[in-house]
């Protein structure tokens, strides 16, 4: 089944390089329009899912994606900008893109490592595992190890089954030759209790990721009631994970302000904030670097293309879905 697409713009977008807490300088590849996803996670920084689906489809032509990425990489290299990874980290779930494997293959000649940040929900499908196996670095989401908590945190599509996803993750991990990582987002009073944390740790013992990340929401979540887990819960998770896994890292800090502009300030701001909400200080630094004034932001706010949100005492700027 194919659905009509209403992307933010008429074409595929890249954004960055942005400072990534896991990947260094990451050039983001937005291969999914907003917001097609198999989950509607309560903490999602991009906002609520607009179109829940599990059927894979073509969103953009692979040739269009490759052409755009090649042009962006050429320009960044000319400016001596560092790109550590090309990262499929879109507005929705990247494996919904039926051409993902082909796109990875076509981008390999650029000589830059390729990463895919996935929620893992479609990994029970053989073709999805095959596509992901072509990437150098894959991250799988693991916010819960029990079905009840999985539903509370990730709010999956009604056709998804936790046990199938669990088996698919383990099968992928056994055959994958690249760097496999996991990420667990801890939400206060939802999945931050000792019982659930231990279950997650036990499953990760089977999965055997190269590195396991523990994170908390540091940007405005889809649901306003969402709160980051406290220090005690983060510490408990770190201890449980460390007892079972070789490498564990907490992602609970700010990743920095070193965003890169292509020269089109408004387009860059909208591209970055569509998947990566920016703190006010990051926006100010970005504008300063490009020689632009704060009036650019005020105009985008007035045109309802950008919105300002306060979270944890900090101001963030996000792109308004469906605007561009």
C-alpha atoms as a PDB file:
ATOM      1  CA  UNK A   1       0.000   0.000   0.000  1.00  0.00           C
ATOM      2  CA  UNK A   2       1.329   3.443  -0.913  1.00  0.00           C
ATOM      3  CA  UNK A   3       0.261   6.700   0.672  1.00  0.00           C
ATOM      4  CA  UNK A   4       0.314  10.209  -0.692  1.00  0.00           C
ATOM      5  CA  UNK A   5       3.330  12.145   0.521  1.00  0.00           C
ATOM      6  CA  UNK A   6       3.291  15.668   1.807  1.00  0.00           C
ATOM      7  CA  UNK A   7       6.980  16.327   2.563  1.00  0.00           C
ATOM      8  CA  UNK A   8       8.309  19.552   3.982  1.00  0.00           C
ATOM      9  CA  UNK A   9       9.755  20.388   0.572  1.00  0.00           C
ATOM     10  CA  UNK A  10       9.560  18.983  -2.941  1.00  0.00           C
ATOM     11  CA  UNK A  11      12.867  17.187  -2.671  1.00  0.00           C
ATOM     12  CA  UNK A  12      15.163  15.161  -0.453  1.00  0.00           C
ATOM     13  CA  UNK A  13      17.171  17.157   2.111  1.00  0.00           C
ATOM     14  CA  UNK A  14      20.533  16.903   3.795  1.00  0.00           C
ATOM     15  CA  UNK A  15      21.401  18.815   6.961  1.00  0.00           C
ATOM     16  CA  UNK A  16      24.616  19.645   8.715  1.00  0.00           C
ATOM     17  CA  UNK A  17      27.197  18.511   9.392  1.00  0.00           C
ATOM     18  CA  UNK A  18      25.833  18.668  12.926  1.00  0.00           C
ATOM     19  CA  UNK A  19      27.640  17.805  16.148  1.00  0.00           C
ATOM     20  CA  UNK A  20      26.583  14.273  17.072  1.00  0.00           C
ATOM     21  CA  UNK A  21      27.235  12.808  20.507  1.00  0.00           C
ATOM     22  CA  UNK A  22      27.790   9.410  18.886  1.00  0.00           C
ATOM     23  CA  UNK A  23      29.110  10.096  15.404  1.00  0.00           C
ATOM     24  CA  UNK A  24      31.254  13.217  15.623  1.00  0.00           C
ATOM     25  CA  UNK A  25      30.552  15.448  12.614  1.00  0.00           C
ATOM     26  CA  UNK A  26      27.489  13.915  11.011  1.00  0.00           C
ATOM     27  CA  UNK A  27      25.921  14.920   7.687  1.00  0.00           C
ATOM     28  CA  UNK A  28      22.267  14.015   8.119  1.00  0.00           C
ATOM     29  CA  UNK A  29      20.279  12.410   5.307  1.00  0.00           C
ATOM     30  CA  UNK A  30      16.548  12.993   5.605  1.00  0.00           C
ATOM     31  CA  UNK A  31      15.219  10.102   3.521  1.00  0.00           C
ATOM     32  CA  UNK A  32      11.719  10.069   5.089  1.00  0.00           C
ATOM     33  CA  UNK A  33       9.186  12.939   4.823  1.00  0.00           C
ATOM     34  CA  UNK A  34       7.681  14.194   8.091  1.00  0.00           C
ATOM     35  CA  UNK A  35       6.554  12.245   9.815  1.00  0.00           C
ATOM     36  CA  UNK A  36       6.115   8.726   8.478  1.00  0.00           C
ATOM     37  CA  UNK A  37       7.008   6.318  11.256  1.00  0.00           C
ATOM     38  CA  UNK A  38       6.161   2.929  12.714  1.00  0.00           C
ATOM     39  CA  UNK A  39       6.324   4.366  16.233  1.00  0.00           C
ATOM     40  CA  UNK A  40       4.920   7.464  17.895  1.00  0.00           C
ATOM     41  CA  UNK A  41       7.377   7.727  20.790  1.00  0.00           C
ATOM     42  CA  UNK A  42       6.241   9.925  23.658  1.00  0.00           C
ATOM     43  CA  UNK A  43       9.662  11.639  23.779  1.00  0.00           C
ATOM     44  CA  UNK A  44      10.254  12.187  20.046  1.00  0.00           C
ATOM     45  CA  UNK A  45      12.014  15.501  19.408  1.00  0.00           C
ATOM     46  CA  UNK A  46      10.427  15.788  15.951  1.00  0.00           C
ATOM     47  CA  UNK A  47       6.915  15.753  17.396  1.00  0.00           C
ATOM     48  CA  UNK A  48       3.959  13.397  17.075  1.00  0.00           C
ATOM     49  CA  UNK A  49       3.835  10.946  14.170  1.00  0.00           C
ATOM     50  CA  UNK A  50       1.666  12.242  11.331  1.00  0.00           C
ATOM     51  CA  UNK A  51       1.424   8.965   9.403  1.00  0.00           C
ATOM     52  CA  UNK A  52       1.768   5.627  11.194  1.00  0.00           C
ATOM     53  CA  UNK A  53       2.772   2.856   8.808  1.00  0.00           C
ATOM     54  CA  UNK A  54       4.817  -0.322   8.568  1.00  0.00           C
ATOM     55  CA  UNK A  55       4.702  -0.818   4.784  1.00  0.00           C
ATOM     56  CA  UNK A  56       7.970   0.078   3.064  1.00  0.00           C
ATOM     57  CA  UNK A  57       7.785   2.356   0.043  1.00  0.00           C
ATOM     58  CA  UNK A  58       9.783   4.708  -2.151  1.00  0.00           C
ATOM     59  CA  UNK A  59       9.764   8.300  -0.902  1.00  0.00           C
ATOM     60  CA  UNK A  60      12.528   9.792  -3.059  1.00  0.00           C
ATOM     61  CA  UNK A  61      14.415   8.496  -6.088  1.00  0.00           C
ATOM     62  CA  UNK A  62      17.830   7.067  -5.129  1.00  0.00           C
ATOM     63  CA  UNK A  63      19.446   9.117  -7.922  1.00  0.00           C
ATOM     64  CA  UNK A  64      17.992  12.298  -6.411  1.00  0.00           C
ATOM     65  CA  UNK A  65      19.413  11.435  -3.002  1.00  0.00           C
ATOM     66  CA  UNK A  66      22.866  10.596  -4.343  1.00  0.00           C
ATOM     67  CA  UNK A  67      23.010  13.758  -6.469  1.00  0.00           C
ATOM     68  CA  UNK A  68      22.104  15.959  -3.495  1.00  0.00           C
ATOM     69  CA  UNK A  69      24.567  14.258  -1.134  1.00  0.00           C
ATOM     70  CA  UNK A  70      27.414  14.358  -3.665  1.00  0.00           C
ATOM     71  CA  UNK A  71      26.884  18.094  -4.211  1.00  0.00           C
ATOM     72  CA  UNK A  72      26.773  18.777  -0.472  1.00  0.00           C
ATOM     73  CA  UNK A  73      29.887  16.711   0.233  1.00  0.00           C
ATOM     74  CA  UNK A  74      31.801  18.385  -2.592  1.00  0.00           C
ATOM     75  CA  UNK A  75      30.941  21.833  -1.224  1.00  0.00           C
ATOM     76  CA  UNK A  76      31.832  20.894   2.362  1.00  0.00           C
ATOM     77  CA  UNK A  77      35.135  19.361   1.311  1.00  0.00           C
ATOM     78  CA  UNK A  78      35.962  22.506  -0.668  1.00  0.00           C
ATOM     79  CA  UNK A  79      35.432  24.457   2.557  1.00  0.00           C
ATOM     80  CA  UNK A  80      37.625  21.937   4.414  1.00  0.00           C
ATOM     81  CA  UNK A  81      34.699  20.851   6.606  1.00  0.00           C
ATOM     82  CA  UNK A  82      35.059  17.474   8.341  1.00  0.00           C
ATOM     83  CA  UNK A  83      32.422  14.786   7.727  1.00  0.00           C
ATOM     84  CA  UNK A  84      32.797  11.714   9.914  1.00  0.00           C
ATOM     85  CA  UNK A  85      29.569  10.001   8.845  1.00  0.00           C
ATOM     86  CA  UNK A  86      26.724  10.186   6.365  1.00  0.00           C
ATOM     87  CA  UNK A  87      23.826   9.456   8.687  1.00  0.00           C
ATOM     88  CA  UNK A  88      20.344   8.285   7.770  1.00  0.00           C
ATOM     89  CA  UNK A  89      18.546  10.012  10.629  1.00  0.00           C
ATOM     90  CA  UNK A  90      15.312  11.342   9.120  1.00  0.00           C
ATOM     91  CA  UNK A  91      11.979  12.738  10.277  1.00  0.00           C
ATOM     92  CA  UNK A  92      10.637   9.189  10.593  1.00  0.00           C
ATOM     93  CA  UNK A  93      11.877   5.592  10.545  1.00  0.00           C
ATOM     94  CA  UNK A  94      14.635   5.243   7.887  1.00  0.00           C
ATOM     95  CA  UNK A  95      13.937   1.571   7.127  1.00  0.00           C
ATOM     96  CA  UNK A  96      10.487   2.498   5.787  1.00  0.00           C
ATOM     97  CA  UNK A  97      12.457   3.615   2.724  1.00  0.00           C
ATOM     98  CA  UNK A  98      12.410   0.573   0.424  1.00  0.00           C
ATOM     99  CA  UNK A  99      15.504   1.895  -1.411  1.00  0.00           C
ATOM    100  CA  UNK A 100      17.657   2.253   1.719  1.00  0.00           C
ATOM    101  CA  UNK A 101      20.072  -0.548   0.797  1.00  0.00           C
ATOM    102  CA  UNK A 102      20.499   0.735  -2.751  1.00  0.00           C
ATOM    103  CA  UNK A 103      21.121   4.271  -1.496  1.00  0.00           C
ATOM    104  CA  UNK A 104      23.823   3.058   0.905  1.00  0.00           C
ATOM    105  CA  UNK A 105      25.552   1.209  -1.937  1.00  0.00           C
ATOM    106  CA  UNK A 106      25.415   4.252  -4.228  1.00  0.00           C
ATOM    107  CA  UNK A 107      26.905   6.491  -1.528  1.00  0.00           C
ATOM    108  CA  UNK A 108      29.813   4.182  -0.667  1.00  0.00           C
ATOM    109  CA  UNK A 109      32.121   5.621  -3.397  1.00  0.00           C
ATOM    110  CA  UNK A 110      32.220   8.940  -1.485  1.00  0.00           C
ATOM    111  CA  UNK A 111      34.532   7.189   0.974  1.00  0.00           C
ATOM    112  CA  UNK A 112      32.623   8.312   4.085  1.00  0.00           C
ATOM    113  CA  UNK A 113      31.280   5.889   6.676  1.00  0.00           C
ATOM    114  CA  UNK A 114      27.516   5.421   6.603  1.00  0.00           C
ATOM    115  CA  UNK A 115      25.305   5.246   9.688  1.00  0.00           C
ATOM    116  CA  UNK A 116      21.637   4.370  10.135  1.00  0.00           C
ATOM    117  CA  UNK A 117      19.767   5.303  13.297  1.00  0.00           C
ATOM    118  CA  UNK A 118      16.731   3.011  13.415  1.00  0.00           C
ATOM    119  CA  UNK A 119      14.023   2.199  15.929  1.00  0.00           C
ATOM    120  CA  UNK A 120      14.459  -1.450  14.917  1.00  0.00           C
ATOM    121  CA  UNK A 121      10.724  -2.008  14.476  1.00  0.00           C
ATOM    122  CA  UNK A 122      10.977  -3.512  10.975  1.00  0.00           C
ATOM    123  CA  UNK A 123      14.097  -5.593  11.591  1.00  0.00           C
ATOM    124  CA  UNK A 124      12.032  -8.798  11.679  1.00  0.00           C
ATOM    125  CA  UNK A 125      11.897  -8.457   7.872  1.00  0.00           C
ATOM    126  CA  UNK A 126      14.733 -10.178   6.015  1.00  0.00           C
ATOM    127  CA  UNK A 127      15.048  -7.359   3.443  1.00  0.00           C
ATOM    128  CA  UNK A 128      15.388  -4.746   6.188  1.00  0.00           C
ATOM    129  CA  UNK A 129      18.182  -6.726   7.834  1.00  0.00           C
ATOM    130  CA  UNK A 130      19.876  -7.051   4.434  1.00  0.00           C
ATOM    131  CA  UNK A 131      19.677  -3.269   3.856  1.00  0.00           C
ATOM    132  CA  UNK A 132      20.994  -2.419   7.314  1.00  0.00           C
ATOM    133  CA  UNK A 133      23.883  -4.861   6.924  1.00  0.00           C
ATOM    134  CA  UNK A 134      25.333  -2.593   4.218  1.00  0.00           C
ATOM    135  CA  UNK A 135      25.851   0.307   6.660  1.00  0.00           C
ATOM    136  CA  UNK A 136      29.073   0.758   8.653  1.00  0.00           C
ATOM    137  CA  UNK A 137      27.286   1.747  11.856  1.00  0.00           C
ATOM    138  CA  UNK A 138      23.768   0.881  12.983  1.00  0.00           C
ATOM    139  CA  UNK A 139      21.896   2.029  16.076  1.00  0.00           C
ATOM    140  CA  UNK A 140      18.845   0.148  17.321  1.00  0.00           C
ATOM    141  CA  UNK A 141      16.391   1.612  19.789  1.00  0.00           C
ATOM    142  CA  UNK A 142      15.709  -0.390  22.948  1.00  0.00           C
ATOM    143  CA  UNK A 143      13.581   1.620  25.346  1.00  0.00           C
ATOM    144  CA  UNK A 144      11.835  -1.394  26.827  1.00  0.00           C
ATOM    145  CA  UNK A 145      12.184  -5.156  27.143  1.00  0.00           C
ATOM    146  CA  UNK A 146       8.606  -5.899  28.170  1.00  0.00           C
ATOM    147  CA  UNK A 147       5.630  -5.503  25.852  1.00  0.00           C
ATOM    148  CA  UNK A 148       3.612  -3.358  28.251  1.00  0.00           C
ATOM    149  CA  UNK A 149       6.345  -0.747  28.678  1.00  0.00           C
ATOM    150  CA  UNK A 150       7.155  -0.880  24.944  1.00  0.00           C
ATOM    151  CA  UNK A 151       3.579   0.207  24.223  1.00  0.00           C
ATOM    152  CA  UNK A 152       3.763   3.028  26.786  1.00  0.00           C
ATOM    153  CA  UNK A 153       7.055   4.503  25.547  1.00  0.00           C
ATOM    154  CA  UNK A 154       7.156   3.790  21.821  1.00  0.00           C
ATOM    155  CA  UNK A 155       3.432   3.551  21.023  1.00  0.00           C
ATOM    156  CA  UNK A 156       3.995   1.162  18.086  1.00  0.00           C
ATOM    157  CA  UNK A 157       1.869   0.628  14.996  1.00  0.00           C
ATOM    158  CA  UNK A 158      -0.927  -1.830  15.766  1.00  0.00           C
ATOM    159  CA  UNK A 159       0.489  -4.477  13.400  1.00  0.00           C
ATOM    160  CA  UNK A 160       3.881  -4.646  15.110  1.00  0.00           C
ATOM    161  CA  UNK A 161       4.738  -7.475  17.518  1.00  0.00           C
ATOM    162  CA  UNK A 162       7.428  -7.124  20.160  1.00  0.00           C
ATOM    163  CA  UNK A 163       8.519 -10.755  20.067  1.00  0.00           C
ATOM    164  CA  UNK A 164       9.132 -10.600  16.291  1.00  0.00           C
ATOM    165  CA  UNK A 165      11.172  -7.416  16.690  1.00  0.00           C
ATOM    166  CA  UNK A 166      13.173  -8.992  19.514  1.00  0.00           C
ATOM    167  CA  UNK A 167      14.022 -12.035  17.410  1.00  0.00           C
ATOM    168  CA  UNK A 168      14.858  -9.856  14.406  1.00  0.00           C
ATOM    169  CA  UNK A 169      17.308  -7.767  16.435  1.00  0.00           C
ATOM    170  CA  UNK A 170      19.093 -10.881  17.693  1.00  0.00           C
ATOM    171  CA  UNK A 171      19.277 -12.390  14.214  1.00  0.00           C
ATOM    172  CA  UNK A 172      20.690  -9.157  12.788  1.00  0.00           C
ATOM    173  CA  UNK A 173      23.264  -8.885  15.583  1.00  0.00           C
ATOM    174  CA  UNK A 174      24.540 -12.412  14.909  1.00  0.00           C
ATOM    175  CA  UNK A 175      25.348 -11.692  11.255  1.00  0.00           C
ATOM    176  CA  UNK A 176      26.167  -7.959  11.178  1.00  0.00           C
ATOM    177  CA  UNK A 177      29.825  -7.149  10.459  1.00  0.00           C
ATOM    178  CA  UNK A 178      29.756  -3.415  11.217  1.00  0.00           C
ATOM    179  CA  UNK A 179      29.483  -1.478  14.474  1.00  0.00           C
ATOM    180  CA  UNK A 180      26.198  -2.213  16.214  1.00  0.00           C
ATOM    181  CA  UNK A 181      25.059   0.118  18.971  1.00  0.00           C
ATOM    182  CA  UNK A 182      21.906   0.387  21.047  1.00  0.00           C
ATOM    183  CA  UNK A 183      20.203   3.376  22.591  1.00  0.00           C
ATOM    184  CA  UNK A 184      17.883   3.404  25.564  1.00  0.00           C
ATOM    185  CA  UNK A 185      15.910   6.547  26.355  1.00  0.00           C
ATOM    186  CA  UNK A 186      14.922   6.689  30.018  1.00  0.00           C
ATOM    187  CA  UNK A 187      11.629   8.420  30.829  1.00  0.00           C
ATOM    188  CA  UNK A 188      10.684   9.249  34.392  1.00  0.00           C
ATOM    189  CA  UNK A 189       8.025   6.931  35.874  1.00  0.00           C
ATOM    190  CA  UNK A 190       7.694   4.935  32.633  1.00  0.00           C
ATOM    191  CA  UNK A 191      10.788   2.791  31.981  1.00  0.00           C
ATOM    192  CA  UNK A 192      13.238   4.001  34.644  1.00  0.00           C
ATOM    193  CA  UNK A 193      12.392   1.485  37.366  1.00  0.00           C
ATOM    194  CA  UNK A 194      14.911  -1.208  38.371  1.00  0.00           C
ATOM    195  CA  UNK A 195      12.771  -4.071  37.068  1.00  0.00           C
ATOM    196  CA  UNK A 196      12.512  -2.730  33.505  1.00  0.00           C
ATOM    197  CA  UNK A 197      16.105  -1.522  33.437  1.00  0.00           C
ATOM    198  CA  UNK A 198      17.297  -5.009  34.427  1.00  0.00           C
ATOM    199  CA  UNK A 199      15.160  -6.590  31.681  1.00  0.00           C
ATOM    200  CA  UNK A 200      16.670  -4.226  29.117  1.00  0.00           C
ATOM    201  CA  UNK A 201      20.168  -5.011  30.378  1.00  0.00           C
ATOM    202  CA  UNK A 202      19.467  -8.757  30.153  1.00  0.00           C
ATOM    203  CA  UNK A 203      18.312  -8.424  26.551  1.00  0.00           C
ATOM    204  CA  UNK A 204      21.363  -6.337  25.659  1.00  0.00           C
ATOM    205  CA  UNK A 205      23.503  -9.170  27.055  1.00  0.00           C
ATOM    206  CA  UNK A 206      22.032 -11.349  24.292  1.00  0.00           C
ATOM    207  CA  UNK A 207      22.289  -8.625  21.640  1.00  0.00           C
ATOM    208  CA  UNK A 208      25.959  -7.877  22.411  1.00  0.00           C
ATOM    209  CA  UNK A 209      26.205  -4.364  20.897  1.00  0.00           C
ATOM    210  CA  UNK A 210      29.648  -2.826  20.404  1.00  0.00           C
ATOM    211  CA  UNK A 211      28.479   0.042  22.592  1.00  0.00           C
ATOM    212  CA  UNK A 212      25.272   0.742  24.479  1.00  0.00           C
ATOM    213  CA  UNK A 213      24.051   4.303  25.020  1.00  0.00           C
ATOM    214  CA  UNK A 214      21.825   5.473  27.848  1.00  0.00           C
ATOM    215  CA  UNK A 215      20.071   8.759  27.162  1.00  0.00           C
ATOM    216  CA  UNK A 216      17.403  11.072  28.500  1.00  0.00           C
ATOM    217  CA  UNK A 217      15.318  13.670  26.645  1.00  0.00           C
ATOM    218  CA  UNK A 218      17.370  16.859  26.269  1.00  0.00           C
ATOM    219  CA  UNK A 219      15.111  18.463  23.645  1.00  0.00           C
ATOM    220  CA  UNK A 220      11.359  19.217  23.699  1.00  0.00           C
ATOM    221  CA  UNK A 221       9.413  15.916  23.529  1.00  0.00           C
ATOM    222  CA  UNK A 222       6.260  15.074  21.586  1.00  0.00           C
ATOM    223  CA  UNK A 223       4.284  14.865  24.840  1.00  0.00           C
ATOM    224  CA  UNK A 224       4.624  17.750  27.265  1.00  0.00           C
ATOM    225  CA  UNK A 225       4.289  15.486  30.312  1.00  0.00           C
ATOM    226  CA  UNK A 226       7.473  13.597  29.457  1.00  0.00           C
ATOM    227  CA  UNK A 227      10.282  14.143  31.961  1.00  0.00           C
ATOM    228  CA  UNK A 228      13.847  12.813  31.852  1.00  0.00           C
ATOM    229  CA  UNK A 229      14.747  10.069  34.299  1.00  0.00           C
ATOM    230  CA  UNK A 230      16.603  11.271  37.382  1.00  0.00           C
ATOM    231  CA  UNK A 231      20.256  10.789  38.237  1.00  0.00           C
ATOM    232  CA  UNK A 232      19.532   7.733  40.407  1.00  0.00           C
ATOM    233  CA  UNK A 233      17.803   5.863  37.568  1.00  0.00           C
ATOM    234  CA  UNK A 234      20.524   6.791  35.061  1.00  0.00           C
ATOM    235  CA  UNK A 235      23.149   5.540  37.507  1.00  0.00           C
ATOM    236  CA  UNK A 236      21.258   2.273  38.111  1.00  0.00           C
ATOM    237  CA  UNK A 237      21.013   1.712  34.360  1.00  0.00           C
ATOM    238  CA  UNK A 238      24.699   2.449  33.910  1.00  0.00           C
ATOM    239  CA  UNK A 239      25.631  -0.040  36.643  1.00  0.00           C
ATOM    240  CA  UNK A 240      23.344  -2.794  35.318  1.00  0.00           C
ATOM    241  CA  UNK A 241      24.526  -2.272  31.738  1.00  0.00           C
ATOM    242  CA  UNK A 242      28.206  -2.081  32.701  1.00  0.00           C
ATOM    243  CA  UNK A 243      28.036  -5.385  34.559  1.00  0.00           C
ATOM    244  CA  UNK A 244      26.918  -7.102  31.359  1.00  0.00           C
ATOM    245  CA  UNK A 245      28.403  -5.106  28.468  1.00  0.00           C
ATOM    246  CA  UNK A 246      31.900  -4.023  27.454  1.00  0.00           C
ATOM    247  CA  UNK A 247      31.140  -0.396  26.557  1.00  0.00           C
ATOM    248  CA  UNK A 248      28.393   1.763  28.027  1.00  0.00           C
ATOM    249  CA  UNK A 249      28.069   5.522  27.662  1.00  0.00           C
ATOM    250  CA  UNK A 250      25.590   8.050  29.010  1.00  0.00           C
ATOM    251  CA  UNK A 251      24.275  10.688  26.592  1.00  0.00           C
ATOM    252  CA  UNK A 252      22.857  13.186  29.037  1.00  0.00           C
ATOM    253  CA  UNK A 253      24.748  16.343  28.084  1.00  0.00           C
ATOM    254  CA  UNK A 254      24.583  18.998  25.393  1.00  0.00           C
ATOM    255  CA  UNK A 255      26.329  18.098  22.131  1.00  0.00           C
ATOM    256  CA  UNK A 256      27.490  21.589  21.154  1.00  0.00           C
ATOM    257  CA  UNK A 257      26.712  24.413  18.756  1.00  0.00           C
ATOM    258  CA  UNK A 258      28.970  23.776  15.774  1.00  0.00           C
ATOM    259  CA  UNK A 259      26.342  23.610  13.019  1.00  0.00           C
ATOM    260  CA  UNK A 260      27.452  24.249   9.437  1.00  0.00           C
ATOM    261  CA  UNK A 261      25.695  26.464   6.864  1.00  0.00           C
ATOM    262  CA  UNK A 262      25.511  25.885   3.118  1.00  0.00           C
ATOM    263  CA  UNK A 263      25.077  29.630   2.576  1.00  0.00           C
ATOM    264  CA  UNK A 264      21.266  29.559   2.468  1.00  0.00           C
ATOM    265  CA  UNK A 265      20.539  30.502   6.054  1.00  0.00           C
ATOM    266  CA  UNK A 266      16.745  30.084   6.131  1.00  0.00           C
ATOM    267  CA  UNK A 267      16.850  26.728   4.321  1.00  0.00           C
ATOM    268  CA  UNK A 268      19.623  25.501   6.607  1.00  0.00           C
ATOM    269  CA  UNK A 269      17.763  26.496   9.771  1.00  0.00           C
ATOM    270  CA  UNK A 270      14.595  24.751   8.601  1.00  0.00           C
ATOM    271  CA  UNK A 271      16.492  21.631   7.505  1.00  0.00           C
ATOM    272  CA  UNK A 272      18.383  21.286  10.782  1.00  0.00           C
ATOM    273  CA  UNK A 273      15.453  22.068  13.072  1.00  0.00           C
ATOM    274  CA  UNK A 274      13.180  19.606  11.264  1.00  0.00           C
ATOM    275  CA  UNK A 275      15.121  16.733  12.843  1.00  0.00           C
ATOM    276  CA  UNK A 276      17.384  18.407  15.363  1.00  0.00           C
ATOM    277  CA  UNK A 277      15.784  21.129  17.538  1.00  0.00           C
ATOM    278  CA  UNK A 278      18.368  23.825  18.268  1.00  0.00           C
ATOM    279  CA  UNK A 279      18.968  25.690  21.513  1.00  0.00           C
ATOM    280  CA  UNK A 280      18.795  29.464  21.277  1.00  0.00           C
ATOM    281  CA  UNK A 281      22.552  29.754  21.852  1.00  0.00           C
ATOM    282  CA  UNK A 282      23.164  27.335  18.982  1.00  0.00           C
ATOM    283  CA  UNK A 283      20.931  29.397  16.659  1.00  0.00           C
ATOM    284  CA  UNK A 284      22.692  32.612  17.713  1.00  0.00           C
ATOM    285  CA  UNK A 285      26.102  31.089  17.040  1.00  0.00           C
ATOM    286  CA  UNK A 286      24.901  29.729  13.689  1.00  0.00           C
ATOM    287  CA  UNK A 287      23.609  33.154  12.620  1.00  0.00           C
ATOM    288  CA  UNK A 288      26.777  34.865  13.792  1.00  0.00           C
ATOM    289  CA  UNK A 289      28.905  32.474  11.743  1.00  0.00           C
ATOM    290  CA  UNK A 290      26.861  33.159   8.607  1.00  0.00           C
ATOM    291  CA  UNK A 291      26.647  36.919   9.154  1.00  0.00           C
ATOM    292  CA  UNK A 292      22.859  36.800   9.442  1.00  0.00           C
ATOM    293  CA  UNK A 293      20.703  38.672  11.966  1.00  0.00           C
ATOM    294  CA  UNK A 294      18.136  37.419  14.482  1.00  0.00           C
ATOM    295  CA  UNK A 295      15.488  38.920  12.197  1.00  0.00           C
ATOM    296  CA  UNK A 296      15.739  35.742  10.110  1.00  0.00           C
ATOM    297  CA  UNK A 297      14.406  33.749  13.052  1.00  0.00           C
ATOM    298  CA  UNK A 298      11.719  36.318  13.826  1.00  0.00           C
ATOM    299  CA  UNK A 299      10.519  36.176  10.226  1.00  0.00           C
ATOM    300  CA  UNK A 300      10.362  32.367  10.254  1.00  0.00           C
ATOM    301  CA  UNK A 301       8.448  32.487  13.542  1.00  0.00           C
ATOM    302  CA  UNK A 302       6.009  35.048  12.110  1.00  0.00           C
ATOM    303  CA  UNK A 303       5.498  32.926   8.983  1.00  0.00           C
ATOM    304  CA  UNK A 304       4.789  29.913  11.233  1.00  0.00           C
ATOM    305  CA  UNK A 305       7.661  27.943   9.698  1.00  0.00           C
ATOM    306  CA  UNK A 306       9.576  27.850  12.983  1.00  0.00           C
ATOM    307  CA  UNK A 307       8.332  27.631  16.549  1.00  0.00           C
ATOM    308  CA  UNK A 308       9.900  28.419  19.904  1.00  0.00           C
ATOM    309  CA  UNK A 309       9.523  25.891  22.732  1.00  0.00           C
ATOM    310  CA  UNK A 310      10.817  25.993  26.297  1.00  0.00           C
ATOM    311  CA  UNK A 311      12.096  22.766  27.824  1.00  0.00           C
ATOM    312  CA  UNK A 312      14.056  22.212  31.041  1.00  0.00           C
ATOM    313  CA  UNK A 313      14.571  25.979  31.352  1.00  0.00           C
ATOM    314  CA  UNK A 314      16.078  26.312  27.843  1.00  0.00           C
ATOM    315  CA  UNK A 315      14.615  27.802  24.664  1.00  0.00           C
ATOM    316  CA  UNK A 316      14.558  25.584  21.571  1.00  0.00           C
ATOM    317  CA  UNK A 317      13.624  26.252  17.968  1.00  0.00           C
ATOM    318  CA  UNK A 318      11.849  23.590  15.874  1.00  0.00           C
ATOM    319  CA  UNK A 319      10.553  23.528  12.345  1.00  0.00           C
ATOM    320  CA  UNK A 320       6.768  23.494  12.058  1.00  0.00           C
ATOM    321  CA  UNK A 321       5.644  20.266  10.370  1.00  0.00           C
ATOM    322  CA  UNK A 322       4.155  20.693   6.901  1.00  0.00           C
ATOM    323  CA  UNK A 323       5.589  24.195   6.519  1.00  0.00           C
ATOM    324  CA  UNK A 324       8.395  25.195   4.192  1.00  0.00           C
END
